[in-house]
N, C-alpha and C. Protein backbone atom coordinates (compact mmCIF):
# COMPACT_ATOMS: atom_id res chain seq x y z
N MET A 1 150.02 46.67 91.99
CA MET A 1 151.22 47.52 91.97
C MET A 1 151.57 47.92 93.40
N ASN A 2 152.78 47.59 93.83
CA ASN A 2 153.23 47.91 95.18
C ASN A 2 154.07 49.19 95.18
N LYS A 3 153.63 50.16 95.96
CA LYS A 3 154.39 51.40 96.07
C LYS A 3 155.61 51.19 96.97
N PRO A 4 156.73 51.88 96.67
CA PRO A 4 157.89 51.78 97.56
C PRO A 4 157.53 52.26 98.96
N ASN A 5 157.96 51.54 99.97
CA ASN A 5 157.68 51.97 101.33
C ASN A 5 158.70 53.01 101.79
N LYS A 6 158.49 53.54 102.97
CA LYS A 6 159.36 54.60 103.49
C LYS A 6 160.81 54.15 103.58
N GLU A 7 161.00 52.91 103.99
CA GLU A 7 162.37 52.39 104.13
C GLU A 7 163.08 52.33 102.78
N ASN A 8 162.34 51.89 101.75
CA ASN A 8 162.92 51.83 100.41
C ASN A 8 163.27 53.21 99.88
N LEU A 9 162.40 54.17 100.15
CA LEU A 9 162.66 55.54 99.70
C LEU A 9 163.87 56.13 100.40
N GLU A 10 164.03 55.80 101.68
CA GLU A 10 165.20 56.28 102.42
C GLU A 10 166.48 55.64 101.89
N LEU A 11 166.40 54.37 101.50
CA LEU A 11 167.55 53.70 100.92
C LEU A 11 167.99 54.38 99.62
N PHE A 12 166.99 54.78 98.83
CA PHE A 12 167.31 55.49 97.59
C PHE A 12 168.07 56.78 97.90
N ASN A 13 167.57 57.53 98.88
CA ASN A 13 168.18 58.82 99.22
C ASN A 13 169.60 58.68 99.75
N GLN A 14 169.94 57.51 100.28
CA GLN A 14 171.27 57.30 100.85
C GLN A 14 172.26 56.69 99.86
N ASP A 15 171.78 56.34 98.67
CA ASP A 15 172.64 55.65 97.69
C ASP A 15 172.92 56.58 96.51
N ILE A 16 174.12 57.12 96.43
CA ILE A 16 174.47 58.07 95.38
C ILE A 16 174.40 57.43 94.00
N THR A 17 174.66 56.12 93.92
CA THR A 17 174.59 55.43 92.63
C THR A 17 173.16 55.39 92.12
N LEU A 18 172.19 55.20 93.02
CA LEU A 18 170.79 55.22 92.61
C LEU A 18 170.35 56.62 92.22
N ILE A 19 170.80 57.62 92.98
CA ILE A 19 170.41 59.00 92.69
C ILE A 19 170.91 59.45 91.32
N LEU A 20 172.17 59.17 91.03
CA LEU A 20 172.77 59.64 89.78
C LEU A 20 172.59 58.65 88.64
N SER A 21 172.40 57.39 88.95
CA SER A 21 172.26 56.24 88.06
C SER A 21 173.63 55.62 87.78
N LYS A 22 173.61 54.31 87.75
CA LYS A 22 174.84 53.54 87.51
C LYS A 22 175.42 53.88 86.15
N GLU A 23 174.54 54.06 85.16
CA GLU A 23 174.99 54.34 83.80
C GLU A 23 175.67 55.71 83.72
N ARG A 24 175.07 56.69 84.41
CA ARG A 24 175.63 58.03 84.39
C ARG A 24 177.02 58.06 85.04
N LEU A 25 177.13 57.45 86.21
CA LEU A 25 178.43 57.41 86.88
C LEU A 25 179.46 56.65 86.06
N GLY A 26 178.99 55.62 85.36
CA GLY A 26 179.90 54.85 84.51
C GLY A 26 180.54 55.71 83.43
N GLY A 27 179.82 56.73 82.98
CA GLY A 27 180.35 57.64 81.98
C GLY A 27 181.50 58.48 82.49
N TYR A 28 181.67 58.50 83.80
CA TYR A 28 182.77 59.24 84.42
C TYR A 28 183.78 58.27 85.06
N GLY A 29 183.75 57.02 84.60
CA GLY A 29 184.65 56.02 85.17
C GLY A 29 184.36 55.75 86.63
N ASN A 30 183.07 55.91 87.01
CA ASN A 30 182.63 55.75 88.41
C ASN A 30 183.37 56.68 89.36
N ASN A 31 183.80 57.81 88.82
CA ASN A 31 184.53 58.81 89.61
C ASN A 31 183.56 59.94 89.96
N LEU A 32 183.10 59.95 91.20
CA LEU A 32 182.12 60.96 91.63
C LEU A 32 182.69 62.37 91.54
N GLN A 33 183.98 62.52 91.82
CA GLN A 33 184.60 63.84 91.75
C GLN A 33 184.54 64.40 90.33
N LYS A 34 184.81 63.54 89.33
CA LYS A 34 184.73 63.97 87.93
C LYS A 34 183.30 64.39 87.59
N HIS A 35 182.33 63.63 88.07
CA HIS A 35 180.93 63.98 87.83
C HIS A 35 180.61 65.34 88.42
N ASN A 36 181.08 65.60 89.63
CA ASN A 36 180.82 66.89 90.27
C ASN A 36 181.55 68.03 89.56
N GLU A 37 182.75 67.75 89.05
CA GLU A 37 183.48 68.76 88.27
C GLU A 37 182.69 69.13 87.02
N ASN A 38 182.08 68.12 86.40
CA ASN A 38 181.28 68.39 85.21
C ASN A 38 180.06 69.24 85.53
N LEU A 39 179.39 68.96 86.65
CA LEU A 39 178.24 69.77 87.05
C LEU A 39 178.65 71.22 87.30
N ALA A 40 179.80 71.40 87.94
CA ALA A 40 180.29 72.76 88.20
C ALA A 40 180.59 73.48 86.89
N LEU A 41 181.19 72.77 85.93
CA LEU A 41 181.48 73.36 84.62
C LEU A 41 180.18 73.71 83.90
N ALA A 42 179.21 72.80 83.94
CA ALA A 42 177.92 73.05 83.27
C ALA A 42 177.23 74.29 83.83
N MET A 43 177.33 74.50 85.13
CA MET A 43 176.70 75.68 85.74
C MET A 43 177.40 76.96 85.29
N GLU A 44 178.73 76.92 85.19
CA GLU A 44 179.47 78.09 84.70
C GLU A 44 179.15 78.35 83.23
N VAL A 45 179.02 77.29 82.46
CA VAL A 45 178.63 77.42 81.05
C VAL A 45 177.26 78.08 80.95
N GLY A 46 176.32 77.65 81.80
CA GLY A 46 174.96 78.19 81.76
C GLY A 46 174.91 79.69 81.94
N LYS A 47 175.74 80.22 82.85
CA LYS A 47 175.77 81.67 83.07
C LYS A 47 176.16 82.41 81.80
N ARG A 48 177.16 81.89 81.11
CA ARG A 48 177.66 82.54 79.91
C ARG A 48 176.70 82.38 78.73
N ILE A 49 176.14 81.18 78.60
CA ILE A 49 175.20 80.93 77.51
C ILE A 49 173.99 81.84 77.63
N SER A 50 173.52 82.10 78.85
CA SER A 50 172.35 82.96 79.03
C SER A 50 172.60 84.35 78.46
N ILE A 51 173.80 84.88 78.67
CA ILE A 51 174.15 86.20 78.13
C ILE A 51 174.17 86.15 76.60
N LEU A 52 174.79 85.12 76.05
CA LEU A 52 174.91 85.01 74.60
C LEU A 52 173.55 84.76 73.95
N GLU A 53 172.69 83.97 74.58
CA GLU A 53 171.35 83.73 74.04
C GLU A 53 170.54 85.02 73.98
N ILE A 54 170.56 85.78 75.06
CA ILE A 54 169.82 87.04 75.09
C ILE A 54 170.33 87.98 74.01
N TYR A 55 171.64 88.06 73.89
CA TYR A 55 172.26 88.92 72.87
C TYR A 55 171.83 88.51 71.47
N LEU A 56 171.95 87.23 71.14
CA LEU A 56 171.62 86.76 69.79
C LEU A 56 170.14 86.93 69.49
N ARG A 57 169.30 86.65 70.45
CA ARG A 57 167.85 86.77 70.26
C ARG A 57 167.47 88.22 69.94
N ASN A 58 168.03 89.15 70.69
CA ASN A 58 167.66 90.55 70.50
C ASN A 58 168.33 91.17 69.28
N LYS A 59 169.53 90.69 68.94
CA LYS A 59 170.17 91.20 67.73
C LYS A 59 169.46 90.68 66.49
N LEU A 60 169.01 89.43 66.54
CA LEU A 60 168.18 88.87 65.47
C LEU A 60 166.95 89.75 65.27
N ASP A 61 166.27 90.06 66.35
CA ASP A 61 165.06 90.89 66.30
C ASP A 61 165.38 92.28 65.74
N TYR A 62 166.46 92.87 66.21
CA TYR A 62 166.87 94.21 65.78
C TYR A 62 167.13 94.24 64.27
N CYS A 63 167.86 93.25 63.77
CA CYS A 63 168.20 93.22 62.35
C CYS A 63 166.97 92.98 61.48
N LEU A 64 166.12 92.03 61.87
CA LEU A 64 164.98 91.68 61.03
C LEU A 64 163.88 92.73 61.06
N LYS A 65 163.78 93.47 62.15
CA LYS A 65 162.83 94.59 62.17
C LYS A 65 163.20 95.62 61.12
N GLN A 66 164.50 95.84 60.96
CA GLN A 66 164.96 96.81 59.96
C GLN A 66 164.85 96.25 58.54
N MET A 67 165.11 94.96 58.39
CA MET A 67 165.12 94.35 57.07
C MET A 67 163.73 94.02 56.55
N ILE A 68 162.84 93.58 57.46
CA ILE A 68 161.53 93.06 57.05
C ILE A 68 160.37 93.87 57.60
N GLY A 69 160.46 94.25 58.86
CA GLY A 69 159.38 95.00 59.49
C GLY A 69 159.12 94.52 60.90
N GLU A 70 158.29 95.26 61.61
CA GLU A 70 158.03 94.98 63.03
C GLU A 70 157.47 93.59 63.28
N ASP A 71 156.68 93.07 62.34
CA ASP A 71 156.01 91.78 62.55
C ASP A 71 156.72 90.62 61.87
N TRP A 72 158.03 90.72 61.69
CA TRP A 72 158.77 89.67 60.99
C TRP A 72 158.55 88.30 61.62
N ILE A 73 158.40 88.25 62.94
CA ILE A 73 158.33 86.97 63.63
C ILE A 73 157.00 86.24 63.36
N LYS A 74 156.01 86.98 62.87
CA LYS A 74 154.72 86.36 62.58
C LYS A 74 154.57 85.99 61.10
N SER A 75 155.65 86.15 60.34
CA SER A 75 155.60 85.77 58.93
C SER A 75 155.58 84.25 58.81
N GLU A 76 155.10 83.77 57.68
CA GLU A 76 155.02 82.32 57.45
C GLU A 76 156.40 81.67 57.54
N LYS A 77 157.40 82.36 57.00
CA LYS A 77 158.76 81.83 57.01
C LYS A 77 159.27 81.66 58.44
N SER A 78 159.06 82.68 59.27
CA SER A 78 159.53 82.62 60.65
C SER A 78 158.78 81.56 61.45
N LEU A 79 157.47 81.55 61.31
CA LEU A 79 156.66 80.62 62.10
C LEU A 79 156.95 79.16 61.76
N SER A 80 157.43 78.91 60.53
CA SER A 80 157.77 77.54 60.15
C SER A 80 158.98 77.01 60.92
N LEU A 81 159.73 77.92 61.55
CA LEU A 81 160.94 77.54 62.28
C LEU A 81 160.78 77.64 63.79
N ILE A 82 159.57 78.01 64.23
CA ILE A 82 159.32 78.26 65.65
C ILE A 82 158.25 77.30 66.17
N THR A 83 158.46 76.80 67.37
CA THR A 83 157.43 76.04 68.07
C THR A 83 156.82 76.96 69.12
N LEU A 84 155.54 77.29 68.96
CA LEU A 84 154.88 78.18 69.91
C LEU A 84 154.70 77.46 71.24
N LYS A 85 155.02 78.15 72.32
CA LYS A 85 154.96 77.54 73.65
C LYS A 85 153.77 78.05 74.46
N SER A 86 152.74 78.53 73.81
CA SER A 86 151.58 79.08 74.50
C SER A 86 150.31 78.46 73.95
N HIS A 87 149.28 78.40 74.81
CA HIS A 87 147.98 77.90 74.37
C HIS A 87 147.22 78.95 73.57
N LYS A 88 147.73 80.18 73.60
CA LYS A 88 147.08 81.27 72.87
C LYS A 88 147.35 81.14 71.37
N SER A 89 146.47 81.72 70.57
CA SER A 89 146.67 81.73 69.13
C SER A 89 147.75 82.75 68.78
N ILE A 90 148.30 82.63 67.59
CA ILE A 90 149.36 83.54 67.16
C ILE A 90 148.89 84.99 67.16
N ASP A 91 147.61 85.20 66.86
CA ASP A 91 147.08 86.57 66.83
C ASP A 91 147.00 87.19 68.22
N GLU A 92 146.91 86.36 69.25
CA GLU A 92 146.81 86.86 70.63
C GLU A 92 148.17 87.17 71.24
N LEU A 93 149.23 86.66 70.62
CA LEU A 93 150.57 86.83 71.16
C LEU A 93 151.25 88.06 70.57
N THR A 94 151.97 88.78 71.41
CA THR A 94 152.73 89.92 70.92
C THR A 94 154.07 89.43 70.38
N GLN A 95 154.72 90.31 69.63
CA GLN A 95 156.06 90.02 69.10
C GLN A 95 157.01 89.61 70.24
N ASN A 96 157.00 90.39 71.31
CA ASN A 96 157.92 90.13 72.42
C ASN A 96 157.60 88.83 73.14
N GLN A 97 156.32 88.47 73.23
CA GLN A 97 155.94 87.22 73.89
C GLN A 97 156.49 86.01 73.13
N ILE A 98 156.44 86.08 71.81
CA ILE A 98 156.99 84.99 71.00
C ILE A 98 158.51 84.98 71.08
N LEU A 99 159.09 86.17 70.93
CA LEU A 99 160.55 86.29 70.93
C LEU A 99 161.17 85.76 72.23
N SER A 100 160.54 86.08 73.35
CA SER A 100 161.11 85.72 74.65
C SER A 100 161.13 84.22 74.91
N THR A 101 160.35 83.46 74.14
CA THR A 101 160.29 82.00 74.36
C THR A 101 161.19 81.22 73.40
N LEU A 102 161.87 81.92 72.49
CA LEU A 102 162.70 81.22 71.51
C LEU A 102 163.87 80.51 72.18
N MET A 103 164.10 79.27 71.78
CA MET A 103 165.27 78.52 72.23
C MET A 103 166.46 78.89 71.35
N LEU A 104 167.67 78.60 71.84
CA LEU A 104 168.86 78.94 71.07
C LEU A 104 168.83 78.30 69.69
N GLY A 105 168.40 77.05 69.62
CA GLY A 105 168.33 76.37 68.33
C GLY A 105 167.41 77.09 67.35
N GLU A 106 166.28 77.59 67.84
CA GLU A 106 165.35 78.33 66.99
C GLU A 106 165.96 79.66 66.54
N VAL A 107 166.66 80.32 67.46
CA VAL A 107 167.32 81.58 67.11
C VAL A 107 168.34 81.35 66.00
N VAL A 108 169.16 80.31 66.16
CA VAL A 108 170.17 80.00 65.15
C VAL A 108 169.52 79.63 63.82
N ASP A 109 168.44 78.85 63.84
CA ASP A 109 167.73 78.48 62.61
C ASP A 109 167.18 79.72 61.90
N LEU A 110 166.67 80.68 62.66
CA LEU A 110 166.15 81.91 62.07
C LEU A 110 167.28 82.75 61.48
N ILE A 111 168.39 82.83 62.20
CA ILE A 111 169.55 83.57 61.70
C ILE A 111 170.01 82.98 60.37
N ARG A 112 170.05 81.67 60.28
CA ARG A 112 170.47 81.01 59.04
C ARG A 112 169.45 81.21 57.92
N ALA A 113 168.17 81.06 58.27
CA ALA A 113 167.12 81.17 57.26
C ALA A 113 167.12 82.55 56.60
N TYR A 114 167.41 83.58 57.39
CA TYR A 114 167.42 84.94 56.85
C TYR A 114 168.83 85.38 56.42
N GLU A 115 169.78 84.44 56.50
CA GLU A 115 171.15 84.65 56.01
C GLU A 115 171.80 85.90 56.61
N ILE A 116 171.70 86.01 57.93
CA ILE A 116 172.30 87.17 58.61
C ILE A 116 173.38 86.72 59.61
N GLU A 117 173.96 85.55 59.36
CA GLU A 117 174.97 85.01 60.27
C GLU A 117 176.10 86.01 60.53
N ALA A 118 176.59 86.62 59.45
CA ALA A 118 177.75 87.50 59.57
C ALA A 118 177.46 88.78 60.35
N MET A 119 176.17 89.06 60.60
CA MET A 119 175.81 90.26 61.35
C MET A 119 175.83 90.04 62.87
N MET A 120 175.97 88.81 63.29
CA MET A 120 175.80 88.51 64.71
C MET A 120 177.05 88.80 65.54
N PHE A 121 178.16 88.16 65.22
CA PHE A 121 179.40 88.35 65.97
C PHE A 121 180.48 88.91 65.05
N ASP A 122 181.31 89.80 65.57
CA ASP A 122 182.51 90.25 64.86
C ASP A 122 183.65 89.35 65.34
N LEU A 123 184.02 88.39 64.50
CA LEU A 123 184.93 87.33 64.94
C LEU A 123 186.35 87.49 64.40
N LYS A 124 186.71 88.69 63.99
CA LYS A 124 188.05 88.90 63.43
C LYS A 124 189.15 88.47 64.41
N LYS A 125 188.92 88.67 65.70
CA LYS A 125 189.96 88.36 66.70
C LYS A 125 189.90 86.91 67.19
N ILE A 126 188.88 86.17 66.77
CA ILE A 126 188.75 84.78 67.21
C ILE A 126 189.66 83.89 66.38
N LYS A 127 190.56 83.19 67.05
CA LYS A 127 191.46 82.24 66.40
C LYS A 127 191.14 80.85 66.95
N PHE A 128 190.64 79.97 66.08
CA PHE A 128 190.18 78.66 66.54
C PHE A 128 191.32 77.80 67.09
N LYS A 129 192.54 78.03 66.62
CA LYS A 129 193.67 77.24 67.11
C LYS A 129 193.88 77.42 68.61
N LYS A 130 193.36 78.51 69.15
CA LYS A 130 193.47 78.77 70.60
C LYS A 130 192.78 77.67 71.41
N TYR A 131 191.73 77.05 70.83
CA TYR A 131 190.90 76.11 71.58
C TYR A 131 191.34 74.66 71.40
N HIS A 132 192.20 74.40 70.42
CA HIS A 132 192.90 73.11 70.28
C HIS A 132 193.94 73.24 69.18
N TRP A 133 195.08 72.62 69.40
CA TRP A 133 196.19 72.77 68.46
C TRP A 133 195.87 72.25 67.06
N SER A 134 194.91 71.33 66.93
CA SER A 134 194.60 70.75 65.61
C SER A 134 193.67 71.62 64.78
N ASN A 135 193.11 72.67 65.38
CA ASN A 135 192.20 73.54 64.64
C ASN A 135 192.95 74.40 63.63
N TYR A 136 192.23 74.79 62.58
CA TYR A 136 192.77 75.73 61.60
C TYR A 136 191.82 76.90 61.46
N ASP A 137 192.37 78.04 61.05
CA ASP A 137 191.55 79.22 60.79
C ASP A 137 191.38 79.43 59.29
N TYR A 138 191.64 78.38 58.53
CA TYR A 138 191.50 78.44 57.08
C TYR A 138 191.07 77.06 56.58
N PHE A 139 190.64 77.03 55.31
CA PHE A 139 190.33 75.76 54.65
C PHE A 139 191.08 75.74 53.32
N LEU A 140 191.12 74.59 52.69
CA LEU A 140 191.81 74.47 51.41
C LEU A 140 190.83 74.64 50.26
N ASN A 141 191.14 75.59 49.39
CA ASN A 141 190.32 75.85 48.20
C ASN A 141 191.24 75.73 46.99
N ASP A 142 191.08 74.64 46.22
CA ASP A 142 192.01 74.34 45.12
C ASP A 142 193.45 74.32 45.64
N LYS A 143 193.63 73.69 46.78
CA LYS A 143 194.92 73.51 47.44
C LYS A 143 195.50 74.81 47.99
N ARG A 144 194.72 75.88 47.96
CA ARG A 144 195.16 77.15 48.54
C ARG A 144 194.56 77.34 49.92
N LYS A 145 195.37 77.83 50.84
CA LYS A 145 194.86 78.14 52.17
C LYS A 145 193.99 79.39 52.09
N THR A 146 192.71 79.22 52.41
CA THR A 146 191.75 80.32 52.33
C THR A 146 191.15 80.58 53.71
N PRO A 147 191.37 81.76 54.28
CA PRO A 147 190.81 82.05 55.61
C PRO A 147 189.29 81.93 55.62
N PHE A 148 188.74 81.46 56.72
CA PHE A 148 187.29 81.42 56.85
C PHE A 148 186.74 82.84 56.79
N SER A 149 185.65 83.01 56.06
CA SER A 149 184.98 84.30 55.99
C SER A 149 184.24 84.57 57.29
N SER A 150 183.71 85.78 57.42
CA SER A 150 182.91 86.10 58.60
C SER A 150 181.72 85.16 58.70
N LEU A 151 181.10 84.86 57.55
CA LEU A 151 179.98 83.92 57.52
C LEU A 151 180.43 82.53 57.99
N GLY A 152 181.56 82.08 57.48
CA GLY A 152 182.06 80.76 57.85
C GLY A 152 182.39 80.67 59.33
N LYS A 153 183.03 81.71 59.86
CA LYS A 153 183.37 81.71 61.29
C LYS A 153 182.12 81.71 62.15
N ASN A 154 181.13 82.52 61.77
CA ASN A 154 179.90 82.55 62.55
C ASN A 154 179.18 81.21 62.51
N THR A 155 179.20 80.56 61.34
CA THR A 155 178.57 79.24 61.22
C THR A 155 179.23 78.24 62.18
N ILE A 156 180.56 78.26 62.22
CA ILE A 156 181.30 77.38 63.13
C ILE A 156 180.93 77.68 64.58
N VAL A 157 180.93 78.96 64.93
CA VAL A 157 180.64 79.37 66.30
C VAL A 157 179.23 78.96 66.72
N PHE A 158 178.25 79.17 65.83
CA PHE A 158 176.87 78.81 66.17
C PHE A 158 176.75 77.32 66.47
N ASN A 159 177.40 76.49 65.66
CA ASN A 159 177.32 75.05 65.87
C ASN A 159 178.01 74.62 67.15
N LEU A 160 179.18 75.18 67.43
CA LEU A 160 179.86 74.86 68.68
C LEU A 160 179.06 75.34 69.88
N LEU A 161 178.51 76.54 69.75
CA LEU A 161 177.71 77.13 70.84
C LEU A 161 176.49 76.27 71.14
N ARG A 162 175.81 75.83 70.09
CA ARG A 162 174.60 75.02 70.29
C ARG A 162 174.95 73.67 70.93
N THR A 163 176.05 73.07 70.49
CA THR A 163 176.46 71.79 71.08
C THR A 163 176.80 71.94 72.55
N ILE A 164 177.57 72.98 72.88
CA ILE A 164 177.93 73.23 74.27
C ILE A 164 176.69 73.48 75.11
N ARG A 165 175.79 74.29 74.59
CA ARG A 165 174.56 74.64 75.31
C ARG A 165 173.73 73.38 75.60
N ASN A 166 173.52 72.57 74.58
CA ASN A 166 172.69 71.38 74.75
C ASN A 166 173.29 70.40 75.74
N ARG A 167 174.59 70.22 75.67
CA ARG A 167 175.23 69.28 76.60
C ARG A 167 175.20 69.82 78.03
N ALA A 168 175.44 71.10 78.18
CA ALA A 168 175.44 71.69 79.53
C ALA A 168 174.04 71.68 80.13
N PHE A 169 173.03 72.06 79.34
CA PHE A 169 171.67 72.18 79.87
C PHE A 169 171.01 70.83 80.10
N HIS A 170 171.57 69.78 79.51
CA HIS A 170 171.07 68.43 79.77
C HIS A 170 172.01 67.66 80.69
N TRP A 171 172.95 68.38 81.29
CA TRP A 171 173.90 67.82 82.26
C TRP A 171 174.68 66.65 81.69
N GLU A 172 174.99 66.73 80.39
CA GLU A 172 175.82 65.69 79.77
C GLU A 172 177.29 65.95 80.09
N ASN A 173 178.12 64.99 79.77
CA ASN A 173 179.54 65.06 80.12
C ASN A 173 180.29 66.00 79.18
N LEU A 174 180.66 67.18 79.69
CA LEU A 174 181.42 68.15 78.93
C LEU A 174 182.92 67.86 78.97
N LEU A 175 183.32 66.94 79.84
CA LEU A 175 184.74 66.66 80.04
C LEU A 175 185.27 65.59 79.08
N LYS A 176 184.38 64.99 78.29
CA LYS A 176 184.80 63.92 77.40
C LYS A 176 185.73 64.43 76.30
N THR A 177 186.71 63.60 75.96
CA THR A 177 187.60 63.86 74.83
C THR A 177 187.70 62.59 73.99
N ARG A 178 188.41 62.68 72.87
CA ARG A 178 188.65 61.51 72.02
C ARG A 178 190.15 61.26 71.95
N GLU A 179 190.53 60.01 71.91
CA GLU A 179 191.94 59.68 71.73
C GLU A 179 192.13 59.01 70.38
N ILE A 180 193.01 59.58 69.56
CA ILE A 180 193.32 59.02 68.24
C ILE A 180 194.83 58.89 68.12
N LYS A 181 195.29 57.68 67.97
CA LYS A 181 196.73 57.40 67.85
C LYS A 181 197.53 58.04 68.97
N GLY A 182 197.00 57.93 70.18
CA GLY A 182 197.71 58.42 71.35
C GLY A 182 197.60 59.92 71.59
N LYS A 183 196.86 60.63 70.74
CA LYS A 183 196.69 62.07 70.90
C LYS A 183 195.25 62.38 71.31
N ILE A 184 195.09 63.41 72.13
CA ILE A 184 193.78 63.76 72.68
C ILE A 184 193.14 64.87 71.84
N TYR A 185 191.87 64.64 71.46
CA TYR A 185 191.13 65.60 70.64
C TYR A 185 189.80 65.94 71.31
N PRO A 186 189.20 67.08 70.94
CA PRO A 186 187.91 67.48 71.53
C PRO A 186 186.78 66.57 71.08
N ARG A 187 185.74 66.49 71.92
CA ARG A 187 184.49 65.83 71.52
C ARG A 187 183.49 66.86 71.01
N ILE A 188 183.64 68.11 71.44
CA ILE A 188 182.76 69.18 70.96
C ILE A 188 183.37 69.74 69.69
N THR A 189 182.78 69.39 68.54
CA THR A 189 183.38 69.74 67.26
C THR A 189 182.34 70.16 66.23
N HIS A 190 182.83 70.79 65.17
CA HIS A 190 182.01 71.08 63.99
C HIS A 190 182.93 71.02 62.78
N ARG A 191 182.44 70.39 61.72
CA ARG A 191 183.21 70.33 60.47
C ARG A 191 182.68 71.38 59.49
N GLU A 192 183.56 72.23 59.01
CA GLU A 192 183.20 73.28 58.06
C GLU A 192 184.18 73.27 56.90
N LYS A 193 183.66 73.08 55.70
CA LYS A 193 184.48 73.03 54.49
C LYS A 193 185.63 72.03 54.62
N GLY A 194 185.31 70.89 55.22
CA GLY A 194 186.28 69.82 55.34
C GLY A 194 187.24 69.96 56.50
N ILE A 195 187.13 71.03 57.27
CA ILE A 195 188.03 71.27 58.40
C ILE A 195 187.28 71.05 59.70
N MET A 196 187.86 70.23 60.58
CA MET A 196 187.24 69.95 61.88
C MET A 196 187.73 70.97 62.90
N ILE A 197 186.79 71.66 63.52
CA ILE A 197 187.09 72.65 64.55
C ILE A 197 186.50 72.16 65.87
N GLY A 198 187.30 72.15 66.92
CA GLY A 198 186.82 71.66 68.20
C GLY A 198 187.26 72.51 69.37
N VAL A 199 186.59 72.29 70.50
CA VAL A 199 186.90 73.01 71.74
C VAL A 199 187.16 71.99 72.84
N MET A 200 188.34 72.05 73.42
CA MET A 200 188.69 71.14 74.52
C MET A 200 187.92 71.52 75.78
N PRO A 201 187.70 70.56 76.69
CA PRO A 201 186.94 70.86 77.92
C PRO A 201 187.49 72.04 78.70
N GLU A 202 188.80 72.12 78.84
CA GLU A 202 189.40 73.20 79.63
C GLU A 202 189.35 74.55 78.93
N MET A 203 188.93 74.54 77.64
CA MET A 203 188.84 75.79 76.88
C MET A 203 187.40 76.26 76.67
N ILE A 204 186.43 75.50 77.16
CA ILE A 204 185.02 75.85 76.92
C ILE A 204 184.68 77.23 77.48
N LEU A 205 185.02 77.47 78.74
CA LEU A 205 184.69 78.77 79.35
C LEU A 205 185.46 79.90 78.69
N ILE A 206 186.70 79.64 78.30
CA ILE A 206 187.50 80.66 77.60
C ILE A 206 186.85 80.98 76.26
N PHE A 207 186.40 79.96 75.54
CA PHE A 207 185.71 80.17 74.26
C PHE A 207 184.47 81.04 74.44
N LEU A 208 183.67 80.74 75.44
CA LEU A 208 182.45 81.51 75.68
C LEU A 208 182.78 82.93 76.12
N ASP A 209 183.80 83.09 76.96
CA ASP A 209 184.22 84.44 77.37
C ASP A 209 184.71 85.24 76.18
N ASP A 210 185.42 84.59 75.27
CA ASP A 210 185.90 85.28 74.06
C ASP A 210 184.73 85.76 73.21
N LEU A 211 183.67 84.95 73.11
CA LEU A 211 182.49 85.37 72.35
C LEU A 211 181.82 86.57 73.01
N ILE A 212 181.71 86.54 74.33
CA ILE A 212 181.12 87.68 75.05
C ILE A 212 181.96 88.93 74.81
N ASP A 213 183.28 88.78 74.79
CA ASP A 213 184.17 89.92 74.55
C ASP A 213 183.95 90.54 73.17
N THR A 214 183.55 89.71 72.17
CA THR A 214 183.35 90.26 70.82
C THR A 214 182.17 91.21 70.76
N ILE A 215 181.27 91.12 71.72
CA ILE A 215 180.12 92.04 71.74
C ILE A 215 180.62 93.47 71.93
N ASP A 216 181.72 93.61 72.65
CA ASP A 216 182.41 94.89 72.81
C ASP A 216 181.49 95.97 73.36
N ASN A 217 180.73 95.60 74.38
CA ASN A 217 179.86 96.56 75.05
C ASN A 217 180.37 96.74 76.47
N GLU A 218 180.63 97.97 76.86
CA GLU A 218 181.25 98.24 78.15
C GLU A 218 180.43 97.70 79.31
N GLU A 219 179.10 97.90 79.26
CA GLU A 219 178.25 97.44 80.36
C GLU A 219 178.21 95.91 80.43
N ILE A 220 178.10 95.28 79.25
CA ILE A 220 178.09 93.81 79.20
C ILE A 220 179.39 93.27 79.79
N ASN A 221 180.51 93.81 79.33
CA ASN A 221 181.81 93.32 79.80
C ASN A 221 182.00 93.55 81.30
N LYS A 222 181.64 94.74 81.76
CA LYS A 222 181.83 95.07 83.17
C LYS A 222 180.94 94.22 84.07
N ASN A 223 179.65 94.18 83.76
CA ASN A 223 178.70 93.45 84.61
C ASN A 223 178.87 91.94 84.50
N THR A 224 179.20 91.48 83.29
CA THR A 224 179.39 90.05 83.09
C THR A 224 180.57 89.55 83.92
N ARG A 225 181.66 90.26 83.84
CA ARG A 225 182.86 89.83 84.57
C ARG A 225 182.63 89.89 86.08
N LYS A 226 181.86 90.88 86.51
CA LYS A 226 181.54 90.99 87.94
C LYS A 226 180.67 89.82 88.37
N THR A 227 179.65 89.50 87.55
CA THR A 227 178.74 88.40 87.87
C THR A 227 179.46 87.05 87.87
N LEU A 228 180.34 86.88 86.87
CA LEU A 228 181.02 85.59 86.73
C LEU A 228 182.26 85.48 87.60
N GLY A 229 182.68 86.61 88.17
CA GLY A 229 183.86 86.59 89.01
C GLY A 229 185.14 86.38 88.23
N ILE A 230 185.21 87.00 87.04
CA ILE A 230 186.40 86.83 86.19
C ILE A 230 187.00 88.19 85.87
């Protein structure tokens, strides 16, 4: 096995196609500026997701402590949805140690398992049509237009949030869209009760800011906007 020599390593460092990979750049039409725009968007998404993850994790804990008890996270039901990230046994870990390591996907799975979706966000002011013209805020029930319930809206939001988070944190292309019959549609979508809800690339940060606004906490809003420069 021959190790790369110094000259080869220097060649790698000077070739942006090797650094980013030919396949990755191809996903942006070999447009380096588009790739950099996506990285900038992903970093802005990360700031907002961190606030929402902390909020959801602690609100989950707050609700389940009242509903089940202080040790809810060590119950068989909870542990079946969690991957422990420590070499210590469950008995050696505190509630907070386990809670602090939960990923967004695990938080959402726990929220669903305990059926407390509607307790997380107050989404009365959220209108999905804001994020793309093809979205609806209702579904058809026996041909009647029926507004999404609080549970339904939260379910949609959780799925969109998780998709955005995963793509941003893995540096995937958030700028991608779909073209159908000459019209542009979002790639970040969730189908609920037969209705497709999506968020366009230029609306991702607005969507996340709107979710942060629903928390309706003066300190969160003030400090978040200062941190994000909005």
